[in-house]
N, C-alpha and C. Protein backbone atom coordinates (compact mmCIF):
# COMPACT_ATOMS: atom_id res chain seq x y z
N UNK A 1 -72.62 141.05 70.34
CA UNK A 1 -72.69 142.09 71.38
C UNK A 1 -74.11 142.65 71.44
N UNK A 2 -74.71 142.76 72.65
CA UNK A 2 -76.07 143.27 72.74
C UNK A 2 -76.15 144.73 72.33
N UNK A 3 -77.26 145.09 71.70
CA UNK A 3 -77.45 146.47 71.27
C UNK A 3 -77.78 147.35 72.47
N UNK A 4 -77.31 148.60 72.40
CA UNK A 4 -77.65 149.56 73.44
C UNK A 4 -79.09 150.02 73.25
N UNK A 5 -79.81 150.27 74.34
CA UNK A 5 -81.18 150.77 74.18
C UNK A 5 -81.19 152.10 73.44
N UNK A 6 -82.13 152.27 72.53
CA UNK A 6 -82.21 153.50 71.75
C UNK A 6 -82.88 154.63 72.52
N UNK A 7 -83.81 154.30 73.40
CA UNK A 7 -84.48 155.31 74.19
C UNK A 7 -83.55 155.79 75.30
N UNK A 8 -83.17 157.08 75.32
CA UNK A 8 -82.23 157.55 76.35
C UNK A 8 -82.76 157.40 77.75
N UNK A 9 -84.08 157.36 77.92
CA UNK A 9 -84.66 157.21 79.25
C UNK A 9 -84.56 155.78 79.76
N UNK A 10 -84.20 154.85 78.88
CA UNK A 10 -84.06 153.45 79.27
C UNK A 10 -82.62 153.08 79.59
N UNK A 11 -81.69 153.97 79.31
CA UNK A 11 -80.28 153.66 79.57
C UNK A 11 -80.01 153.66 81.07
N UNK A 12 -79.42 152.60 81.57
CA UNK A 12 -79.08 152.60 82.99
C UNK A 12 -78.03 153.67 83.30
N UNK A 13 -78.22 154.38 84.41
CA UNK A 13 -77.23 155.34 84.85
C UNK A 13 -77.00 155.12 86.34
N UNK A 14 -76.21 155.99 86.95
CA UNK A 14 -75.87 155.81 88.36
C UNK A 14 -77.10 155.84 89.25
N UNK A 15 -78.06 156.72 88.93
CA UNK A 15 -79.26 156.82 89.75
C UNK A 15 -80.14 155.58 89.60
N UNK A 16 -80.26 155.09 88.36
CA UNK A 16 -81.06 153.88 88.12
C UNK A 16 -80.46 152.69 88.85
N UNK A 17 -79.15 152.55 88.76
CA UNK A 17 -78.48 151.42 89.41
C UNK A 17 -78.60 151.52 90.93
N UNK A 18 -78.46 152.74 91.46
CA UNK A 18 -78.56 152.92 92.91
C UNK A 18 -79.97 152.62 93.40
N UNK A 19 -80.99 153.05 92.63
CA UNK A 19 -82.37 152.77 93.02
C UNK A 19 -82.62 151.27 93.07
N UNK A 20 -82.15 150.56 92.05
CA UNK A 20 -82.33 149.11 92.02
C UNK A 20 -81.62 148.45 93.19
N UNK A 21 -80.41 148.91 93.48
CA UNK A 21 -79.63 148.32 94.58
C UNK A 21 -80.30 148.53 95.93
N UNK A 22 -81.03 149.64 96.06
CA UNK A 22 -81.69 149.96 97.33
C UNK A 22 -83.13 149.47 97.40
N UNK A 23 -83.58 148.78 96.35
CA UNK A 23 -84.90 148.18 96.37
C UNK A 23 -86.03 149.07 95.91
N UNK A 24 -85.71 150.20 95.28
CA UNK A 24 -86.75 151.09 94.76
C UNK A 24 -87.03 150.77 93.30
N UNK A 25 -88.29 150.87 92.86
CA UNK A 25 -88.61 150.52 91.48
C UNK A 25 -88.17 151.54 90.44
N UNK A 26 -87.82 152.77 90.85
CA UNK A 26 -87.44 153.78 89.87
C UNK A 26 -86.47 154.79 90.47
N UNK A 27 -85.70 155.41 89.59
CA UNK A 27 -84.68 156.39 89.98
C UNK A 27 -85.29 157.68 90.54
N UNK A 28 -86.57 157.90 90.31
CA UNK A 28 -87.23 159.13 90.77
C UNK A 28 -87.16 159.31 92.27
N UNK A 29 -86.88 158.23 93.00
CA UNK A 29 -86.79 158.33 94.46
C UNK A 29 -85.75 159.36 94.88
N UNK A 30 -84.68 159.49 94.11
CA UNK A 30 -83.60 160.39 94.49
C UNK A 30 -83.98 161.86 94.29
N UNK A 31 -84.96 162.11 93.41
CA UNK A 31 -85.47 163.47 93.27
C UNK A 31 -86.22 163.88 94.54
N UNK A 32 -87.08 162.99 95.02
CA UNK A 32 -87.81 163.29 96.25
C UNK A 32 -86.86 163.36 97.44
N UNK A 33 -85.89 162.48 97.47
CA UNK A 33 -84.93 162.49 98.57
C UNK A 33 -84.19 163.84 98.63
N UNK A 34 -83.80 164.36 97.47
CA UNK A 34 -83.10 165.64 97.45
C UNK A 34 -84.02 166.78 97.90
N UNK A 35 -85.25 166.77 97.40
CA UNK A 35 -86.21 167.80 97.82
C UNK A 35 -86.44 167.73 99.33
N UNK A 36 -86.60 166.52 99.83
CA UNK A 36 -86.79 166.32 101.27
C UNK A 36 -85.60 166.88 102.05
N UNK A 37 -84.42 166.60 101.57
CA UNK A 37 -83.21 167.06 102.25
C UNK A 37 -83.11 168.58 102.24
N UNK A 38 -83.52 169.20 101.15
CA UNK A 38 -83.36 170.64 101.00
C UNK A 38 -84.41 171.45 101.75
N UNK A 39 -85.62 170.91 101.89
CA UNK A 39 -86.69 171.70 102.53
C UNK A 39 -87.24 171.05 103.79
N UNK A 40 -86.64 169.92 104.20
CA UNK A 40 -87.11 169.21 105.40
C UNK A 40 -88.60 168.91 105.29
N UNK A 41 -88.93 168.16 104.26
CA UNK A 41 -90.32 167.93 103.86
C UNK A 41 -91.04 166.92 104.73
N UNK A 42 -90.41 165.77 104.96
CA UNK A 42 -91.08 164.62 105.57
C UNK A 42 -90.55 164.34 106.96
N UNK A 43 -91.50 164.00 107.87
CA UNK A 43 -91.14 163.71 109.26
C UNK A 43 -92.02 162.58 109.79
N UNK A 44 -91.58 161.90 110.83
CA UNK A 44 -92.38 160.81 111.42
C UNK A 44 -93.77 161.30 111.85
N UNK A 45 -94.76 160.46 111.60
CA UNK A 45 -96.12 160.74 112.04
C UNK A 45 -96.96 161.57 111.09
N UNK A 46 -96.40 162.00 109.97
CA UNK A 46 -97.17 162.84 109.04
C UNK A 46 -98.19 162.02 108.25
N UNK A 47 -99.16 162.75 107.71
CA UNK A 47 -100.14 162.19 106.78
C UNK A 47 -99.80 162.70 105.38
N UNK A 48 -99.62 161.78 104.45
CA UNK A 48 -99.10 162.13 103.12
C UNK A 48 -100.02 161.58 102.04
N UNK A 49 -100.30 162.41 101.03
CA UNK A 49 -101.03 162.00 99.83
C UNK A 49 -100.06 162.04 98.66
N UNK A 50 -99.93 160.91 97.95
CA UNK A 50 -99.02 160.80 96.81
C UNK A 50 -99.84 160.56 95.55
N UNK A 51 -99.92 161.58 94.69
CA UNK A 51 -100.66 161.49 93.43
C UNK A 51 -99.71 161.11 92.31
N UNK A 52 -100.12 160.14 91.50
CA UNK A 52 -99.22 159.63 90.45
C UNK A 52 -98.13 158.77 91.04
N UNK A 53 -98.53 157.87 91.93
CA UNK A 53 -97.57 157.15 92.77
C UNK A 53 -96.82 156.03 92.06
N UNK A 54 -97.38 155.45 90.98
CA UNK A 54 -96.72 154.33 90.31
C UNK A 54 -95.40 154.78 89.68
N UNK A 55 -94.38 153.93 89.69
CA UNK A 55 -94.37 152.55 90.17
C UNK A 55 -94.19 152.38 91.68
N UNK A 56 -93.99 153.49 92.41
CA UNK A 56 -94.01 153.38 93.85
C UNK A 56 -92.81 153.91 94.61
N UNK A 57 -91.82 154.44 93.92
CA UNK A 57 -90.60 154.87 94.61
C UNK A 57 -90.86 156.00 95.60
N UNK A 58 -91.65 157.00 95.19
CA UNK A 58 -91.93 158.12 96.10
C UNK A 58 -92.69 157.64 97.32
N UNK A 59 -93.67 156.79 97.11
CA UNK A 59 -94.46 156.30 98.25
C UNK A 59 -93.62 155.43 99.18
N UNK A 60 -92.74 154.62 98.62
CA UNK A 60 -91.85 153.82 99.46
C UNK A 60 -90.98 154.72 100.33
N UNK A 61 -90.41 155.74 99.72
CA UNK A 61 -89.55 156.65 100.47
C UNK A 61 -90.36 157.40 101.53
N UNK A 62 -91.54 157.91 101.14
CA UNK A 62 -92.36 158.66 102.08
C UNK A 62 -92.81 157.78 103.25
N UNK A 63 -93.19 156.54 102.96
CA UNK A 63 -93.63 155.63 104.02
C UNK A 63 -92.51 155.38 105.02
N UNK A 64 -91.30 155.25 104.52
CA UNK A 64 -90.16 155.06 105.41
C UNK A 64 -89.93 156.29 106.29
N UNK A 65 -90.10 157.46 105.72
CA UNK A 65 -89.83 158.70 106.45
C UNK A 65 -90.90 159.00 107.50
N UNK A 66 -92.16 158.69 107.19
CA UNK A 66 -93.23 159.01 108.15
C UNK A 66 -93.38 157.92 109.21
N UNK A 67 -92.89 156.72 108.92
CA UNK A 67 -92.89 155.66 109.91
C UNK A 67 -94.26 155.07 110.20
N UNK A 68 -94.30 154.19 111.17
CA UNK A 68 -95.53 153.47 111.49
C UNK A 68 -96.62 154.37 112.03
N UNK A 69 -96.25 155.50 112.60
CA UNK A 69 -97.25 156.42 113.16
C UNK A 69 -97.88 157.31 112.10
N UNK A 70 -97.34 157.31 110.88
CA UNK A 70 -97.87 158.14 109.82
C UNK A 70 -98.94 157.42 109.01
N UNK A 71 -99.50 158.15 108.05
CA UNK A 71 -100.49 157.59 107.13
C UNK A 71 -100.15 158.06 105.72
N UNK A 72 -100.28 157.14 104.77
CA UNK A 72 -99.96 157.44 103.37
C UNK A 72 -101.07 156.92 102.47
N UNK A 73 -101.55 157.78 101.58
CA UNK A 73 -102.48 157.35 100.54
C UNK A 73 -101.78 157.52 99.20
N UNK A 74 -101.57 156.40 98.49
CA UNK A 74 -100.89 156.39 97.20
C UNK A 74 -101.92 156.17 96.10
N UNK A 75 -101.94 157.06 95.10
CA UNK A 75 -102.97 157.04 94.06
C UNK A 75 -102.32 157.02 92.69
N UNK A 76 -102.79 156.12 91.82
CA UNK A 76 -102.32 156.13 90.44
C UNK A 76 -103.32 155.39 89.56
N UNK A 77 -103.36 155.78 88.30
CA UNK A 77 -104.20 155.09 87.32
C UNK A 77 -103.69 153.68 87.06
N UNK A 78 -102.38 153.49 87.14
CA UNK A 78 -101.77 152.18 86.93
C UNK A 78 -101.68 151.40 88.24
N UNK A 79 -101.70 150.08 88.16
CA UNK A 79 -101.53 149.29 89.39
C UNK A 79 -100.14 149.49 89.99
N UNK A 80 -100.06 149.41 91.30
CA UNK A 80 -98.80 149.60 92.02
C UNK A 80 -98.46 148.31 92.74
N UNK A 81 -97.33 147.72 92.37
CA UNK A 81 -96.94 146.43 92.95
C UNK A 81 -96.06 146.59 94.18
N UNK A 82 -95.45 147.76 94.34
CA UNK A 82 -94.52 147.96 95.45
C UNK A 82 -95.23 147.85 96.79
N UNK A 83 -94.50 147.40 97.80
CA UNK A 83 -95.04 147.28 99.16
C UNK A 83 -94.57 148.47 99.99
N UNK A 84 -95.51 149.11 100.67
CA UNK A 84 -95.21 150.33 101.41
C UNK A 84 -95.29 150.19 102.92
N UNK A 85 -95.88 149.11 103.41
CA UNK A 85 -96.05 148.96 104.85
C UNK A 85 -97.49 149.21 105.27
N UNK A 86 -97.83 148.86 106.51
CA UNK A 86 -99.21 148.94 106.98
C UNK A 86 -99.74 150.36 107.09
N UNK A 87 -98.86 151.36 107.10
CA UNK A 87 -99.32 152.74 107.21
C UNK A 87 -99.83 153.29 105.89
N UNK A 88 -99.74 152.49 104.82
CA UNK A 88 -100.09 152.97 103.48
C UNK A 88 -101.34 152.28 102.94
N UNK A 89 -102.12 153.06 102.19
CA UNK A 89 -103.27 152.55 101.46
C UNK A 89 -103.11 152.95 100.00
N UNK A 90 -103.40 152.03 99.09
CA UNK A 90 -103.26 152.27 97.66
C UNK A 90 -104.64 152.37 97.02
N UNK A 91 -104.84 153.39 96.21
CA UNK A 91 -106.07 153.57 95.44
C UNK A 91 -105.71 153.59 93.97
N UNK A 92 -106.29 152.68 93.18
CA UNK A 92 -106.07 152.70 91.74
C UNK A 92 -107.19 153.50 91.10
N UNK A 93 -106.83 154.61 90.50
CA UNK A 93 -107.82 155.47 89.87
C UNK A 93 -107.15 156.70 89.28
N UNK A 94 -107.90 157.45 88.51
CA UNK A 94 -107.39 158.64 87.83
C UNK A 94 -107.54 159.84 88.74
N UNK A 95 -106.43 160.45 89.12
CA UNK A 95 -106.48 161.60 90.02
C UNK A 95 -107.25 162.77 89.42
N UNK A 96 -107.38 162.79 88.09
CA UNK A 96 -108.14 163.86 87.45
C UNK A 96 -109.64 163.68 87.62
N UNK A 97 -110.07 162.45 87.83
CA UNK A 97 -111.51 162.20 87.92
C UNK A 97 -111.97 161.78 89.30
N UNK A 98 -111.07 161.30 90.15
CA UNK A 98 -111.45 160.94 91.51
C UNK A 98 -111.89 162.19 92.26
N UNK A 99 -112.95 162.07 93.04
CA UNK A 99 -113.41 163.21 93.82
C UNK A 99 -112.46 163.48 94.98
N UNK A 100 -112.51 164.69 95.49
CA UNK A 100 -111.70 165.01 96.66
C UNK A 100 -112.10 164.13 97.84
N UNK A 101 -113.37 163.77 97.90
CA UNK A 101 -113.83 162.90 98.99
C UNK A 101 -113.14 161.54 98.92
N UNK A 102 -112.93 161.03 97.71
CA UNK A 102 -112.26 159.74 97.55
C UNK A 102 -110.79 159.81 97.94
N UNK A 103 -110.22 161.01 97.88
CA UNK A 103 -108.81 161.19 98.21
C UNK A 103 -108.60 161.61 99.67
N UNK A 104 -109.68 161.75 100.41
CA UNK A 104 -109.61 162.37 101.74
C UNK A 104 -109.51 161.37 102.88
N UNK A 105 -109.10 160.13 102.60
CA UNK A 105 -109.10 159.10 103.64
C UNK A 105 -108.33 159.50 104.88
N UNK A 106 -107.20 160.17 104.70
CA UNK A 106 -106.36 160.55 105.84
C UNK A 106 -106.23 162.07 105.97
N UNK A 107 -107.12 162.80 105.32
CA UNK A 107 -107.07 164.26 105.37
C UNK A 107 -107.41 164.77 106.77
N UNK A 108 -106.94 165.96 107.13
CA UNK A 108 -106.07 166.83 106.34
C UNK A 108 -104.64 166.31 106.27
N UNK A 109 -104.02 166.48 105.11
CA UNK A 109 -102.67 165.97 104.89
C UNK A 109 -101.62 167.02 105.28
N UNK A 110 -100.51 166.51 105.78
CA UNK A 110 -99.36 167.37 106.06
C UNK A 110 -98.54 167.64 104.81
N UNK A 111 -98.57 166.68 103.89
CA UNK A 111 -97.81 166.80 102.63
C UNK A 111 -98.64 166.22 101.49
N UNK A 112 -98.71 166.95 100.39
CA UNK A 112 -99.29 166.44 99.14
C UNK A 112 -98.19 166.40 98.10
N UNK A 113 -97.97 165.21 97.54
CA UNK A 113 -96.95 164.99 96.51
C UNK A 113 -97.61 164.71 95.18
N UNK A 114 -97.04 165.22 94.11
CA UNK A 114 -97.53 164.89 92.78
C UNK A 114 -96.35 164.74 91.82
N UNK A 115 -96.11 163.50 91.41
CA UNK A 115 -95.11 163.22 90.38
C UNK A 115 -95.83 162.88 89.07
N UNK A 116 -97.09 163.33 88.97
CA UNK A 116 -97.89 163.01 87.78
C UNK A 116 -97.26 163.64 86.54
N UNK A 117 -97.25 162.87 85.46
CA UNK A 117 -96.74 163.35 84.18
C UNK A 117 -97.57 162.73 83.07
N UNK A 118 -97.75 163.45 81.97
CA UNK A 118 -98.54 162.90 80.87
C UNK A 118 -97.79 161.82 80.12
N UNK A 119 -98.55 160.91 79.53
CA UNK A 119 -97.95 159.98 78.56
C UNK A 119 -97.58 160.82 77.34
N UNK A 120 -96.29 160.91 77.05
CA UNK A 120 -95.85 161.82 76.00
C UNK A 120 -96.43 161.42 74.65
N UNK A 121 -96.86 162.44 73.91
CA UNK A 121 -97.56 162.22 72.64
C UNK A 121 -96.68 162.48 71.43
N UNK A 122 -95.52 163.09 71.64
CA UNK A 122 -94.70 163.51 70.52
C UNK A 122 -94.91 164.96 70.16
N UNK A 123 -95.98 165.55 70.71
CA UNK A 123 -96.25 166.97 70.51
C UNK A 123 -95.83 167.73 71.76
N UNK A 124 -94.81 168.55 71.63
CA UNK A 124 -94.30 169.30 72.78
C UNK A 124 -95.38 170.16 73.41
N UNK A 125 -96.14 170.86 72.58
CA UNK A 125 -97.17 171.77 73.09
C UNK A 125 -98.26 170.99 73.82
N UNK A 126 -98.69 169.87 73.24
CA UNK A 126 -99.73 169.06 73.87
C UNK A 126 -99.25 168.47 75.19
N UNK A 127 -98.01 168.02 75.22
CA UNK A 127 -97.47 167.44 76.45
C UNK A 127 -97.35 168.49 77.55
N UNK A 128 -96.93 169.69 77.18
CA UNK A 128 -96.82 170.77 78.16
C UNK A 128 -98.20 171.14 78.71
N UNK A 129 -99.19 171.20 77.84
CA UNK A 129 -100.54 171.54 78.28
C UNK A 129 -101.10 170.49 79.21
N UNK A 130 -100.84 169.24 78.90
CA UNK A 130 -101.32 168.15 79.75
C UNK A 130 -100.60 168.16 81.10
N UNK A 131 -99.31 168.46 81.09
CA UNK A 131 -98.57 168.55 82.35
C UNK A 131 -99.12 169.67 83.22
N UNK A 132 -99.43 170.80 82.62
CA UNK A 132 -100.01 171.92 83.36
C UNK A 132 -101.36 171.51 83.96
N UNK A 133 -102.17 170.81 83.18
CA UNK A 133 -103.47 170.35 83.67
C UNK A 133 -103.30 169.43 84.89
N UNK A 134 -102.36 168.50 84.82
CA UNK A 134 -102.12 167.59 85.94
C UNK A 134 -101.62 168.35 87.16
N UNK A 135 -100.72 169.31 86.94
CA UNK A 135 -100.20 170.09 88.06
C UNK A 135 -101.32 170.88 88.73
N UNK A 136 -102.16 171.52 87.94
CA UNK A 136 -103.22 172.33 88.51
C UNK A 136 -104.26 171.47 89.23
N UNK A 137 -104.47 170.25 88.77
CA UNK A 137 -105.36 169.34 89.49
C UNK A 137 -104.75 169.01 90.85
N UNK A 138 -103.45 168.78 90.89
CA UNK A 138 -102.79 168.50 92.16
C UNK A 138 -102.89 169.69 93.11
N UNK A 139 -102.74 170.90 92.59
CA UNK A 139 -102.89 172.10 93.42
C UNK A 139 -104.31 172.20 93.95
N UNK A 140 -105.30 171.88 93.12
CA UNK A 140 -106.69 171.93 93.57
C UNK A 140 -106.95 170.93 94.68
N UNK A 141 -106.35 169.74 94.56
CA UNK A 141 -106.48 168.74 95.63
C UNK A 141 -105.83 169.26 96.91
N UNK A 142 -104.66 169.87 96.77
CA UNK A 142 -103.98 170.42 97.94
C UNK A 142 -104.81 171.53 98.58
N UNK A 143 -105.43 172.35 97.76
CA UNK A 143 -106.26 173.43 98.29
C UNK A 143 -107.41 172.87 99.14
N UNK A 144 -107.93 171.72 98.72
CA UNK A 144 -109.05 171.11 99.44
C UNK A 144 -108.62 170.29 100.64
N UNK A 145 -107.44 169.65 100.57
CA UNK A 145 -107.11 168.61 101.56
C UNK A 145 -105.83 168.85 102.35
N UNK A 146 -105.04 169.86 102.00
CA UNK A 146 -103.77 170.11 102.70
C UNK A 146 -104.02 170.94 103.95
N UNK A 147 -103.43 170.51 105.06
CA UNK A 147 -103.60 171.20 106.33
C UNK A 147 -102.86 172.53 106.32
N UNK A 148 -103.35 173.52 107.09
CA UNK A 148 -102.58 174.76 107.25
C UNK A 148 -101.17 174.45 107.75
N UNK A 149 -100.19 175.09 107.14
CA UNK A 149 -98.80 174.82 107.48
C UNK A 149 -98.19 173.67 106.71
N UNK A 150 -99.01 172.96 105.92
CA UNK A 150 -98.54 171.80 105.18
C UNK A 150 -97.73 172.17 103.95
N UNK A 151 -97.19 171.14 103.28
CA UNK A 151 -96.29 171.35 102.15
C UNK A 151 -96.79 170.60 100.92
N UNK A 152 -96.41 171.12 99.75
CA UNK A 152 -96.81 170.57 98.46
C UNK A 152 -95.60 170.45 97.56
N UNK A 153 -95.51 169.33 96.83
CA UNK A 153 -94.48 169.15 95.80
C UNK A 153 -95.18 168.68 94.54
N UNK A 154 -94.97 169.39 93.43
CA UNK A 154 -95.60 168.99 92.18
C UNK A 154 -94.67 169.13 91.00
N UNK A 155 -94.74 168.15 90.11
CA UNK A 155 -93.92 168.18 88.89
C UNK A 155 -94.68 168.89 87.77
N UNK A 156 -93.95 169.67 86.98
CA UNK A 156 -94.54 170.32 85.82
C UNK A 156 -93.48 170.44 84.74
N UNK A 157 -93.90 170.37 83.48
CA UNK A 157 -93.00 170.61 82.36
C UNK A 157 -92.86 172.12 82.15
N UNK A 158 -91.65 172.57 81.92
CA UNK A 158 -91.43 173.99 81.65
C UNK A 158 -92.16 174.40 80.37
N UNK A 159 -92.91 175.49 80.46
CA UNK A 159 -93.67 175.99 79.32
C UNK A 159 -94.11 177.41 79.63
N UNK A 160 -94.87 178.00 78.73
CA UNK A 160 -95.38 179.36 78.98
C UNK A 160 -96.40 179.37 80.12
N UNK A 161 -96.89 178.20 80.54
CA UNK A 161 -97.83 178.12 81.65
C UNK A 161 -97.14 178.04 83.01
N UNK A 162 -95.81 177.99 83.02
CA UNK A 162 -95.10 177.81 84.28
C UNK A 162 -95.40 178.93 85.27
N UNK A 163 -95.41 180.17 84.81
CA UNK A 163 -95.65 181.30 85.71
C UNK A 163 -97.04 181.20 86.32
N UNK A 164 -98.03 180.82 85.52
CA UNK A 164 -99.39 180.66 86.06
C UNK A 164 -99.42 179.57 87.13
N UNK A 165 -98.71 178.48 86.88
CA UNK A 165 -98.67 177.39 87.85
C UNK A 165 -98.00 177.85 89.14
N UNK A 166 -96.89 178.54 89.01
CA UNK A 166 -96.18 179.04 90.19
C UNK A 166 -97.03 180.02 90.98
N UNK A 167 -97.74 180.91 90.27
CA UNK A 167 -98.58 181.89 90.95
C UNK A 167 -99.74 181.22 91.67
N UNK A 168 -100.29 180.17 91.07
CA UNK A 168 -101.38 179.43 91.73
C UNK A 168 -100.90 178.83 93.04
N UNK A 169 -99.67 178.32 93.04
CA UNK A 169 -99.13 177.74 94.27
C UNK A 169 -98.78 178.83 95.27
N UNK A 170 -98.36 180.00 94.79
CA UNK A 170 -98.09 181.12 95.70
C UNK A 170 -99.36 181.59 96.39
N UNK A 171 -100.49 181.46 95.73
CA UNK A 171 -101.76 181.81 96.36
C UNK A 171 -102.09 180.87 97.52
N UNK A 172 -101.54 179.67 97.46
CA UNK A 172 -101.85 178.65 98.45
C UNK A 172 -100.84 178.60 99.59
N UNK A 173 -99.57 178.85 99.28
CA UNK A 173 -98.49 178.64 100.26
C UNK A 173 -97.70 179.93 100.50
N UNK A 174 -97.13 180.01 101.69
CA UNK A 174 -96.36 181.19 102.08
C UNK A 174 -95.07 181.32 101.27
N UNK A 175 -94.47 180.19 100.91
CA UNK A 175 -93.19 180.20 100.19
C UNK A 175 -93.23 179.17 99.08
N UNK A 176 -92.72 179.53 97.92
CA UNK A 176 -92.67 178.62 96.77
C UNK A 176 -91.25 178.58 96.23
N UNK A 177 -90.74 177.39 96.03
CA UNK A 177 -89.41 177.21 95.46
C UNK A 177 -89.50 176.37 94.18
N UNK A 178 -88.64 176.66 93.23
CA UNK A 178 -88.48 175.85 92.03
C UNK A 178 -87.22 175.02 92.19
N UNK A 179 -87.36 173.70 92.09
CA UNK A 179 -86.22 172.81 92.30
C UNK A 179 -86.10 171.85 91.11
N UNK A 180 -84.91 171.80 90.56
CA UNK A 180 -84.58 170.80 89.53
C UNK A 180 -83.54 169.88 90.15
N UNK A 181 -83.98 168.73 90.66
CA UNK A 181 -83.05 167.85 91.39
C UNK A 181 -81.91 167.35 90.51
N UNK A 182 -80.83 167.00 91.16
CA UNK A 182 -79.65 166.50 90.46
C UNK A 182 -79.97 165.25 89.64
N UNK A 183 -80.94 164.45 90.11
CA UNK A 183 -81.28 163.23 89.42
C UNK A 183 -82.10 163.43 88.15
N UNK A 184 -82.46 164.67 87.83
CA UNK A 184 -83.22 164.95 86.61
C UNK A 184 -82.31 164.78 85.40
N UNK A 185 -82.79 164.08 84.40
CA UNK A 185 -81.98 163.88 83.20
C UNK A 185 -81.74 165.20 82.48
N UNK A 186 -80.58 165.31 81.84
CA UNK A 186 -80.16 166.57 81.23
C UNK A 186 -81.14 167.05 80.16
N UNK A 187 -81.76 166.12 79.44
CA UNK A 187 -82.66 166.50 78.36
C UNK A 187 -84.12 166.58 78.80
N UNK A 188 -84.37 166.52 80.09
CA UNK A 188 -85.74 166.59 80.60
C UNK A 188 -86.19 168.04 80.77
N UNK A 189 -87.47 168.30 80.52
CA UNK A 189 -88.03 169.64 80.70
C UNK A 189 -88.79 169.76 82.02
N UNK A 190 -88.72 168.74 82.85
CA UNK A 190 -89.47 168.77 84.10
C UNK A 190 -88.78 169.61 85.16
N UNK A 191 -89.59 170.17 86.04
CA UNK A 191 -89.11 170.89 87.21
C UNK A 191 -90.15 170.68 88.31
N UNK A 192 -89.73 170.85 89.54
CA UNK A 192 -90.65 170.66 90.66
C UNK A 192 -90.90 172.00 91.35
N UNK A 193 -92.17 172.29 91.57
CA UNK A 193 -92.56 173.45 92.36
C UNK A 193 -92.90 172.97 93.75
N UNK A 194 -92.28 173.58 94.74
CA UNK A 194 -92.45 173.18 96.14
C UNK A 194 -93.10 174.33 96.89
N UNK A 195 -94.26 174.06 97.46
CA UNK A 195 -94.95 175.05 98.27
C UNK A 195 -94.80 174.71 99.75
N UNK A 196 -94.37 175.67 100.54
CA UNK A 196 -94.14 175.45 101.96
C UNK A 196 -95.09 176.32 102.79
N UNK A 197 -95.56 175.77 103.88
CA UNK A 197 -96.43 176.47 104.84
C UNK A 197 -97.72 176.91 104.17
N UNK A 198 -98.61 175.97 103.93
CA UNK A 198 -99.92 176.28 103.36
C UNK A 198 -100.59 177.37 104.21
N UNK A 199 -101.11 178.37 103.54
CA UNK A 199 -101.73 179.49 104.23
C UNK A 199 -103.01 179.06 104.94
N UNK A 200 -103.29 179.70 106.05
CA UNK A 200 -104.53 179.44 106.76
C UNK A 200 -105.71 179.96 105.95
N UNK A 201 -106.89 179.43 106.21
CA UNK A 201 -108.09 179.86 105.50
C UNK A 201 -108.25 181.37 105.63
N UNK A 202 -108.56 182.01 104.50
CA UNK A 202 -108.75 183.45 104.52
C UNK A 202 -107.51 184.24 104.16
N UNK A 203 -106.34 183.56 104.06
CA UNK A 203 -105.09 184.25 103.74
C UNK A 203 -104.66 184.03 102.30
N UNK A 204 -105.39 183.21 101.55
CA UNK A 204 -104.99 182.93 100.17
C UNK A 204 -105.00 184.21 99.35
N UNK A 205 -104.07 184.25 98.40
CA UNK A 205 -104.00 185.39 97.51
C UNK A 205 -102.86 186.33 97.87
């Protein structure tokens, strides 16, 4: 009898099986789908920036939602094998070190997505700090490239830095929601901060 995988994140579940059946490389697609459904995030013709796009589920979903009239820039340090359609461009690089100019191909963006997460080190404090750093980088990119009225979705690990992260997004957007999608594993510390209606220049704070 084959052994069960020891890593709980490797165990197939309903979301993993559904993602595979629908042609998505990862179960994370259902997290974005739920957020989209709850806040009406994505629409045809939008320009979308996806940070931390590998293995590609979020970008695949976003490309389908924005359609041929939209534009998508997918960015990740790892190579992305998934196919997104002609409306998408893939950039392999580190979102922490790429300049805003390198990320601005289709700016201003209507939506900035960040599913970036640190490679876990075994140190809870270090992983939380790294997650906060990635989240704040995504917020900085949104501050530079997100259009007025646009939306932001970013993943962060729950920690003592959560309030600072939420407040930073409140400075940028008129409304901020905390969403833990149904597809999030029970033992995960991740949560998504969603910023709606990016403030016009001069209204931040």
